[in-house]
Protein backbone atom coordinates (compact mmCIF):
# COMPACT_ATOMS: atom_id res chain seq x y z
CA MET A 1 25.29 -18.29 -32.78
CA GLU A 2 28.14 -18.97 -30.38
CA LEU A 3 25.85 -19.73 -27.44
CA LYS A 4 24.02 -22.49 -29.34
CA LYS A 5 27.31 -24.07 -30.31
CA ARG A 6 28.50 -24.05 -26.69
CA ARG A 7 25.21 -25.56 -25.54
CA ARG A 8 25.52 -28.37 -28.07
CA GLU A 9 29.02 -29.04 -26.82
CA LEU A 10 27.75 -29.13 -23.23
CA ASP A 11 24.93 -31.46 -24.25
CA CYS A 12 27.53 -33.80 -25.68
CA ILE A 13 29.59 -33.66 -22.48
CA ASP A 14 26.47 -34.25 -20.37
CA PHE A 15 25.61 -37.33 -22.42
CA LYS A 16 29.13 -38.66 -21.83
CA ILE A 17 28.77 -38.05 -18.09
CA VAL A 18 25.46 -39.92 -17.95
CA SER A 19 26.89 -42.77 -20.04
CA LEU A 20 29.80 -43.07 -17.61
CA LEU A 21 27.35 -43.08 -14.70
CA GLU A 22 25.54 -45.97 -16.36
CA LYS A 23 28.83 -47.88 -16.68
CA ARG A 24 29.58 -47.07 -13.04
CA LYS A 25 26.19 -48.48 -12.04
CA LYS A 26 26.95 -51.78 -13.78
CA LYS A 27 30.30 -52.04 -11.98
CA ILE A 28 28.65 -51.24 -8.66
CA LEU A 29 26.16 -54.06 -9.17
CA GLN A 30 29.02 -56.46 -9.94
CA MET A 31 30.88 -55.31 -6.83
CA GLY A 32 27.73 -55.76 -4.76
CA LYS A 33 27.54 -59.41 -5.81
CA ILE A 34 31.20 -59.94 -4.88
CA LYS A 35 30.74 -58.21 -1.53
CA ASN A 36 27.67 -60.32 -0.80
CA LEU A 37 29.45 -63.54 -1.76
CA HIS A 38 32.43 -62.76 0.48
CA ARG A 39 30.39 -61.13 3.27
CA ILE A 40 32.11 -57.77 2.82
CA GLN A 41 30.43 -54.62 4.14
CA ILE A 42 28.80 -52.45 1.52
CA VAL A 43 30.00 -49.18 3.02
CA GLN A 44 33.77 -48.69 2.87
CA LYS A 45 34.29 -45.22 4.39
CA GLU A 46 38.11 -45.26 4.24
CA ARG A 47 38.06 -46.17 0.55
CA GLU A 48 35.55 -43.38 -0.11
CA LYS A 49 37.66 -40.80 1.74
CA GLU A 50 40.77 -41.82 -0.17
CA LEU A 51 38.96 -41.68 -3.53
CA VAL A 52 37.53 -38.22 -2.88
CA LYS A 53 40.88 -36.94 -1.64
CA ASN A 54 42.63 -38.23 -4.79
CA LEU A 55 40.01 -36.71 -7.08
CA ILE A 56 40.21 -33.35 -5.34
CA ASN A 57 43.97 -33.34 -5.87
CA ARG A 58 43.66 -34.18 -9.57
CA VAL A 59 41.06 -31.74 -10.85
CA ASP A 60 40.42 -28.01 -10.85
CA ILE A 61 36.99 -28.17 -9.22
CA GLU A 62 36.12 -26.86 -5.78
CA PRO A 63 36.58 -29.64 -3.18
CA ASN A 64 33.10 -29.07 -1.79
CA VAL A 65 31.55 -29.77 -5.20
CA ILE A 66 33.48 -33.04 -5.57
CA LYS A 67 32.43 -34.08 -2.06
CA LYS A 68 28.76 -33.38 -2.75
CA ILE A 69 28.77 -35.23 -6.06
CA TYR A 70 30.46 -38.26 -4.59
CA ASN A 71 28.25 -38.32 -1.52
CA ILE A 72 25.31 -38.65 -3.89
CA LEU A 73 27.10 -41.35 -5.90
CA PHE A 74 28.04 -43.29 -2.77
CA ARG A 75 24.48 -43.22 -1.42
CA TYR A 76 23.16 -44.42 -4.78
CA SER A 77 25.77 -47.20 -4.77
CA TYR A 78 24.66 -48.36 -1.32
CA GLN A 79 21.04 -48.46 -2.49
CA LEU A 80 21.92 -50.51 -5.57
CA GLN A 81 23.99 -52.99 -3.60
CA ARG A 82 21.38 -53.40 -0.86
CA ARG A 83 18.60 -54.08 -3.38
CA LYS A 84 20.54 -56.96 -4.86
CA ARG A 85 21.18 -58.75 -1.54
């Protein structure tokens, strides 16, 4: 059935997304150590705004969806970096 095939394809994409999130988490932890070492603030609002703006301009997804996803990712990043201080 076509629907089952499409679901399997989506499952595969979802796994890739989660795997990339795991890689992102590892990089965030590394960045947190560097920020701590150099006494750099965890929250970098200008960098976040620029990243979201660039992503919105590069993909065909509603801007509000990108903003919501990245707000969640940024909050998670802050939590990770604060735990390791």
